[in-house]
């Protein structure tokens, strides 16, 4: 006599079986799948909308916040270089005869102007760039605060960073002990 057939593992298209986690960035097919937490990753953390975040979601959001912060810092650095370049050109043009010809790139097109026409436009651009840099600096500070709050809320530690709540470990028996606090370790 043959053993009874096993239940079919075929699922509706686009749905994952309950024992597998969805790939990163995947949208859950049902509301219940989105709320499932992977028990091997630790307990889920509370999210602002009352939903629970899994450890993978916490790490993904943390990395996204870090990437946004890096993007802001990169843009600010790029604009600082442009501001310095504007300052050098303005200094150079102030020492030149105002009726002298100069060339300026406008929308990818090189146009011929005089120094007296270009200098006010460059000074205006420099002021605008300074304002944008100030705005980016404020955004960068706000993003840093948001990132730190998120780290504290979800107990995120970076690789190589000691847990500030744990006393320093001394001796060979302390080196192998694991902390009891649940948290997320991010590289």
C-alpha atoms as a PDB file:
ATOM      1  CA  UNK A   1       0.000   0.000   0.000  1.00  0.00           C
ATOM      2  CA  UNK A   2       1.364   3.409  -0.985  1.00  0.00           C
ATOM      3  CA  UNK A   3       1.720   6.201   1.571  1.00  0.00           C
ATOM      4  CA  UNK A   4      -0.851   8.968   1.359  1.00  0.00           C
ATOM      5  CA  UNK A   5       0.128  11.813  -0.958  1.00  0.00           C
ATOM      6  CA  UNK A   6       1.739  14.849   0.597  1.00  0.00           C
ATOM      7  CA  UNK A   7      -0.179  18.097   0.490  1.00  0.00           C
ATOM      8  CA  UNK A   8       0.542  20.152  -2.591  1.00  0.00           C
ATOM      9  CA  UNK A   9       3.049  22.968  -2.174  1.00  0.00           C
ATOM     10  CA  UNK A  10       1.744  24.820  -5.221  1.00  0.00           C
ATOM     11  CA  UNK A  11       0.721  28.345  -4.363  1.00  0.00           C
ATOM     12  CA  UNK A  12      -1.068  31.035  -6.254  1.00  0.00           C
ATOM     13  CA  UNK A  13       1.263  32.969  -8.596  1.00  0.00           C
ATOM     14  CA  UNK A  14       3.096  35.794  -6.845  1.00  0.00           C
ATOM     15  CA  UNK A  15       2.663  34.341  -3.351  1.00  0.00           C
ATOM     16  CA  UNK A  16       5.427  32.861  -1.274  1.00  0.00           C
ATOM     17  CA  UNK A  17       4.942  29.917   1.055  1.00  0.00           C
ATOM     18  CA  UNK A  18       4.675  30.983   4.696  1.00  0.00           C
ATOM     19  CA  UNK A  19       8.036  29.450   5.666  1.00  0.00           C
ATOM     20  CA  UNK A  20      10.075  31.603   3.261  1.00  0.00           C
ATOM     21  CA  UNK A  21      10.792  35.279   3.638  1.00  0.00           C
ATOM     22  CA  UNK A  22      10.250  37.565   0.690  1.00  0.00           C
ATOM     23  CA  UNK A  23      13.265  39.040  -1.109  1.00  0.00           C
ATOM     24  CA  UNK A  24      14.376  42.458   0.053  1.00  0.00           C
ATOM     25  CA  UNK A  25      12.168  45.182  -1.367  1.00  0.00           C
ATOM     26  CA  UNK A  26       9.359  42.760  -2.312  1.00  0.00           C
ATOM     27  CA  UNK A  27       5.798  43.784  -1.643  1.00  0.00           C
ATOM     28  CA  UNK A  28       3.842  41.183   0.361  1.00  0.00           C
ATOM     29  CA  UNK A  29       0.926  39.564  -1.463  1.00  0.00           C
ATOM     30  CA  UNK A  30      -1.346  39.679   1.571  1.00  0.00           C
ATOM     31  CA  UNK A  31      -1.591  41.790   4.665  1.00  0.00           C
ATOM     32  CA  UNK A  32      -0.733  38.807   6.881  1.00  0.00           C
ATOM     33  CA  UNK A  33       2.521  38.078   5.020  1.00  0.00           C
ATOM     34  CA  UNK A  34       3.627  41.670   5.509  1.00  0.00           C
ATOM     35  CA  UNK A  35       3.130  41.381   9.268  1.00  0.00           C
ATOM     36  CA  UNK A  36       4.931  38.064   9.690  1.00  0.00           C
ATOM     37  CA  UNK A  37       8.184  38.323  11.575  1.00  0.00           C
ATOM     38  CA  UNK A  38      11.069  35.949  11.076  1.00  0.00           C
ATOM     39  CA  UNK A  39      11.511  34.364  14.489  1.00  0.00           C
ATOM     40  CA  UNK A  40      15.198  33.654  13.855  1.00  0.00           C
ATOM     41  CA  UNK A  41      15.983  37.357  13.472  1.00  0.00           C
ATOM     42  CA  UNK A  42      14.821  38.415  16.919  1.00  0.00           C
ATOM     43  CA  UNK A  43      11.687  40.102  17.979  1.00  0.00           C
ATOM     44  CA  UNK A  44      10.133  42.690  15.695  1.00  0.00           C
ATOM     45  CA  UNK A  45      10.424  46.336  16.605  1.00  0.00           C
ATOM     46  CA  UNK A  46       7.456  48.676  16.726  1.00  0.00           C
ATOM     47  CA  UNK A  47       6.911  50.905  13.718  1.00  0.00           C
ATOM     48  CA  UNK A  48       5.231  54.308  13.698  1.00  0.00           C
ATOM     49  CA  UNK A  49       2.001  53.026  12.083  1.00  0.00           C
ATOM     50  CA  UNK A  50       1.540  50.276  14.669  1.00  0.00           C
ATOM     51  CA  UNK A  51       3.086  47.670  12.351  1.00  0.00           C
ATOM     52  CA  UNK A  52       6.039  45.611  13.511  1.00  0.00           C
ATOM     53  CA  UNK A  53       9.350  45.854  11.671  1.00  0.00           C
ATOM     54  CA  UNK A  54      11.501  42.796  11.253  1.00  0.00           C
ATOM     55  CA  UNK A  55      15.242  43.016  11.796  1.00  0.00           C
ATOM     56  CA  UNK A  56      15.737  42.998   8.019  1.00  0.00           C
ATOM     57  CA  UNK A  57      13.343  45.921   7.612  1.00  0.00           C
ATOM     58  CA  UNK A  58      15.090  47.833  10.403  1.00  0.00           C
ATOM     59  CA  UNK A  59      18.485  47.296   8.757  1.00  0.00           C
ATOM     60  CA  UNK A  60      17.108  48.247   5.324  1.00  0.00           C
ATOM     61  CA  UNK A  61      15.570  51.459   6.673  1.00  0.00           C
ATOM     62  CA  UNK A  62      18.729  52.278   8.626  1.00  0.00           C
ATOM     63  CA  UNK A  63      20.865  51.785   5.523  1.00  0.00           C
ATOM     64  CA  UNK A  64      18.442  53.929   3.492  1.00  0.00           C
ATOM     65  CA  UNK A  65      18.706  56.728   6.080  1.00  0.00           C
ATOM     66  CA  UNK A  66      22.505  56.467   6.016  1.00  0.00           C
ATOM     67  CA  UNK A  67      22.489  56.603   2.213  1.00  0.00           C
ATOM     68  CA  UNK A  68      20.268  59.699   2.273  1.00  0.00           C
ATOM     69  CA  UNK A  69      22.650  61.317   4.758  1.00  0.00           C
ATOM     70  CA  UNK A  70      25.637  60.471   2.549  1.00  0.00           C
ATOM     71  CA  UNK A  71      23.822  61.921  -0.468  1.00  0.00           C
ATOM     72  CA  UNK A  72      23.183  65.192   1.351  1.00  0.00           C
ATOM     73  CA  UNK A  73      26.811  65.380   2.484  1.00  0.00           C
ATOM     74  CA  UNK A  74      28.033  64.631  -1.030  1.00  0.00           C
ATOM     75  CA  UNK A  75      25.837  67.330  -2.565  1.00  0.00           C
ATOM     76  CA  UNK A  76      26.976  69.838   0.074  1.00  0.00           C
ATOM     77  CA  UNK A  77      30.641  69.045  -0.659  1.00  0.00           C
ATOM     78  CA  UNK A  78      30.037  69.393  -4.402  1.00  0.00           C
ATOM     79  CA  UNK A  79      28.406  72.791  -3.896  1.00  0.00           C
ATOM     80  CA  UNK A  80      31.264  73.894  -1.616  1.00  0.00           C
ATOM     81  CA  UNK A  81      33.686  73.205  -4.467  1.00  0.00           C
ATOM     82  CA  UNK A  82      31.474  75.152  -6.861  1.00  0.00           C
ATOM     83  CA  UNK A  83      31.294  78.040  -4.368  1.00  0.00           C
ATOM     84  CA  UNK A  84      35.103  78.111  -4.122  1.00  0.00           C
ATOM     85  CA  UNK A  85      35.342  78.114  -7.914  1.00  0.00           C
ATOM     86  CA  UNK A  86      32.914  81.035  -8.129  1.00  0.00           C
ATOM     87  CA  UNK A  87      34.951  82.937  -5.524  1.00  0.00           C
ATOM     88  CA  UNK A  88      38.179  82.462  -7.511  1.00  0.00           C
ATOM     89  CA  UNK A  89      36.568  83.634 -10.744  1.00  0.00           C
ATOM     90  CA  UNK A  90      34.982  86.662  -9.042  1.00  0.00           C
ATOM     91  CA  UNK A  91      38.326  87.655  -7.493  1.00  0.00           C
ATOM     92  CA  UNK A  92      40.032  87.330 -10.860  1.00  0.00           C
ATOM     93  CA  UNK A  93      37.382  89.323 -12.734  1.00  0.00           C
ATOM     94  CA  UNK A  94      37.425  92.182 -10.198  1.00  0.00           C
ATOM     95  CA  UNK A  95      41.044  92.883 -11.140  1.00  0.00           C
ATOM     96  CA  UNK A  96      40.248  93.036 -14.863  1.00  0.00           C
ATOM     97  CA  UNK A  97      38.989  95.954 -17.005  1.00  0.00           C
ATOM     98  CA  UNK A  98      35.139  95.887 -16.932  1.00  0.00           C
ATOM     99  CA  UNK A  99      34.901  96.313 -20.725  1.00  0.00           C
ATOM    100  CA  UNK A 100      37.075  93.292 -21.429  1.00  0.00           C
ATOM    101  CA  UNK A 101      35.502  90.322 -23.195  1.00  0.00           C
ATOM    102  CA  UNK A 102      34.901  87.153 -21.265  1.00  0.00           C
ATOM    103  CA  UNK A 103      33.100  83.926 -22.006  1.00  0.00           C
ATOM    104  CA  UNK A 104      30.464  82.260 -19.915  1.00  0.00           C
ATOM    105  CA  UNK A 105      28.802  78.876 -20.202  1.00  0.00           C
ATOM    106  CA  UNK A 106      25.002  79.240 -20.193  1.00  0.00           C
ATOM    107  CA  UNK A 107      23.010  76.036 -20.499  1.00  0.00           C
ATOM    108  CA  UNK A 108      25.859  74.224 -22.229  1.00  0.00           C
ATOM    109  CA  UNK A 109      26.444  77.075 -24.688  1.00  0.00           C
ATOM    110  CA  UNK A 110      29.493  79.322 -24.506  1.00  0.00           C
ATOM    111  CA  UNK A 111      28.439  82.970 -24.832  1.00  0.00           C
ATOM    112  CA  UNK A 112      30.558  86.095 -25.199  1.00  0.00           C
ATOM    113  CA  UNK A 113      29.932  88.856 -22.639  1.00  0.00           C
ATOM    114  CA  UNK A 114      31.823  91.652 -20.940  1.00  0.00           C
ATOM    115  CA  UNK A 115      33.190  91.463 -17.415  1.00  0.00           C
ATOM    116  CA  UNK A 116      30.697  94.086 -16.182  1.00  0.00           C
ATOM    117  CA  UNK A 117      27.807  91.884 -17.414  1.00  0.00           C
ATOM    118  CA  UNK A 118      29.137  88.626 -16.010  1.00  0.00           C
ATOM    119  CA  UNK A 119      30.384  89.764 -12.603  1.00  0.00           C
ATOM    120  CA  UNK A 120      26.934  90.584 -11.087  1.00  0.00           C
ATOM    121  CA  UNK A 121      25.518  87.272 -12.356  1.00  0.00           C
ATOM    122  CA  UNK A 122      28.421  85.350 -10.797  1.00  0.00           C
ATOM    123  CA  UNK A 123      27.992  87.156  -7.474  1.00  0.00           C
ATOM    124  CA  UNK A 124      24.267  86.367  -7.540  1.00  0.00           C
ATOM    125  CA  UNK A 125      25.010  82.701  -8.294  1.00  0.00           C
ATOM    126  CA  UNK A 126      27.501  82.618  -5.428  1.00  0.00           C
ATOM    127  CA  UNK A 127      24.864  83.941  -3.018  1.00  0.00           C
ATOM    128  CA  UNK A 128      22.335  81.369  -4.230  1.00  0.00           C
ATOM    129  CA  UNK A 129      24.851  78.561  -3.812  1.00  0.00           C
ATOM    130  CA  UNK A 130      25.615  79.765  -0.275  1.00  0.00           C
ATOM    131  CA  UNK A 131      21.900  79.658   0.589  1.00  0.00           C
ATOM    132  CA  UNK A 132      21.569  76.157  -0.804  1.00  0.00           C
ATOM    133  CA  UNK A 133      24.609  75.002   1.184  1.00  0.00           C
ATOM    134  CA  UNK A 134      23.064  76.404   4.376  1.00  0.00           C
ATOM    135  CA  UNK A 135      19.803  74.606   3.593  1.00  0.00           C
ATOM    136  CA  UNK A 136      21.672  71.347   2.944  1.00  0.00           C
ATOM    137  CA  UNK A 137      23.568  71.742   6.214  1.00  0.00           C
ATOM    138  CA  UNK A 138      20.261  72.054   8.087  1.00  0.00           C
ATOM    139  CA  UNK A 139      18.853  69.024   6.249  1.00  0.00           C
ATOM    140  CA  UNK A 140      22.027  67.100   7.047  1.00  0.00           C
ATOM    141  CA  UNK A 141      21.709  67.896  10.755  1.00  0.00           C
ATOM    142  CA  UNK A 142      18.033  66.880  10.742  1.00  0.00           C
ATOM    143  CA  UNK A 143      18.877  63.624   8.947  1.00  0.00           C
ATOM    144  CA  UNK A 144      21.642  62.951  11.484  1.00  0.00           C
ATOM    145  CA  UNK A 145      19.198  63.442  14.362  1.00  0.00           C
ATOM    146  CA  UNK A 146      16.654  61.173  12.643  1.00  0.00           C
ATOM    147  CA  UNK A 147      19.333  58.535  12.101  1.00  0.00           C
ATOM    148  CA  UNK A 148      20.494  58.681  15.734  1.00  0.00           C
ATOM    149  CA  UNK A 149      16.908  58.474  17.022  1.00  0.00           C
ATOM    150  CA  UNK A 150      16.295  55.458  14.793  1.00  0.00           C
ATOM    151  CA  UNK A 151      19.521  53.833  16.057  1.00  0.00           C
ATOM    152  CA  UNK A 152      18.525  54.366  19.684  1.00  0.00           C
ATOM    153  CA  UNK A 153      14.920  53.264  19.134  1.00  0.00           C
ATOM    154  CA  UNK A 154      15.942  49.986  17.476  1.00  0.00           C
ATOM    155  CA  UNK A 155      19.174  49.409  19.450  1.00  0.00           C
ATOM    156  CA  UNK A 156      21.359  49.416  16.335  1.00  0.00           C
ATOM    157  CA  UNK A 157      25.092  49.011  16.785  1.00  0.00           C
ATOM    158  CA  UNK A 158      27.656  49.227  14.020  1.00  0.00           C
ATOM    159  CA  UNK A 159      30.308  46.557  13.586  1.00  0.00           C
ATOM    160  CA  UNK A 160      33.276  47.318  15.829  1.00  0.00           C
ATOM    161  CA  UNK A 161      31.220  49.535  18.103  1.00  0.00           C
ATOM    162  CA  UNK A 162      30.923  48.574  21.773  1.00  0.00           C
ATOM    163  CA  UNK A 163      27.546  48.482  23.492  1.00  0.00           C
ATOM    164  CA  UNK A 164      27.531  51.543  25.784  1.00  0.00           C
ATOM    165  CA  UNK A 165      25.178  49.788  28.242  1.00  0.00           C
ATOM    166  CA  UNK A 166      27.535  46.838  28.720  1.00  0.00           C
ATOM    167  CA  UNK A 167      30.487  47.195  31.095  1.00  0.00           C
ATOM    168  CA  UNK A 168      33.863  46.662  29.428  1.00  0.00           C
ATOM    169  CA  UNK A 169      34.741  42.981  29.244  1.00  0.00           C
ATOM    170  CA  UNK A 170      37.906  41.941  30.990  1.00  0.00           C
ATOM    171  CA  UNK A 171      39.695  38.663  31.107  1.00  0.00           C
ATOM    172  CA  UNK A 172      39.260  35.553  28.979  1.00  0.00           C
ATOM    173  CA  UNK A 173      35.846  34.615  30.439  1.00  0.00           C
ATOM    174  CA  UNK A 174      34.342  38.013  29.514  1.00  0.00           C
ATOM    175  CA  UNK A 175      35.553  37.856  25.914  1.00  0.00           C
ATOM    176  CA  UNK A 176      33.286  34.965  24.937  1.00  0.00           C
ATOM    177  CA  UNK A 177      30.186  36.097  26.790  1.00  0.00           C
ATOM    178  CA  UNK A 178      27.277  37.408  24.748  1.00  0.00           C
ATOM    179  CA  UNK A 179      25.193  40.395  25.796  1.00  0.00           C
ATOM    180  CA  UNK A 180      21.600  39.723  26.746  1.00  0.00           C
ATOM    181  CA  UNK A 181      20.221  42.878  25.100  1.00  0.00           C
ATOM    182  CA  UNK A 182      18.401  42.244  21.841  1.00  0.00           C
ATOM    183  CA  UNK A 183      19.541  44.554  19.066  1.00  0.00           C
ATOM    184  CA  UNK A 184      20.540  44.782  15.444  1.00  0.00           C
ATOM    185  CA  UNK A 185      24.170  44.678  14.344  1.00  0.00           C
ATOM    186  CA  UNK A 186      24.851  46.567  11.103  1.00  0.00           C
ATOM    187  CA  UNK A 187      28.070  46.452   9.103  1.00  0.00           C
END
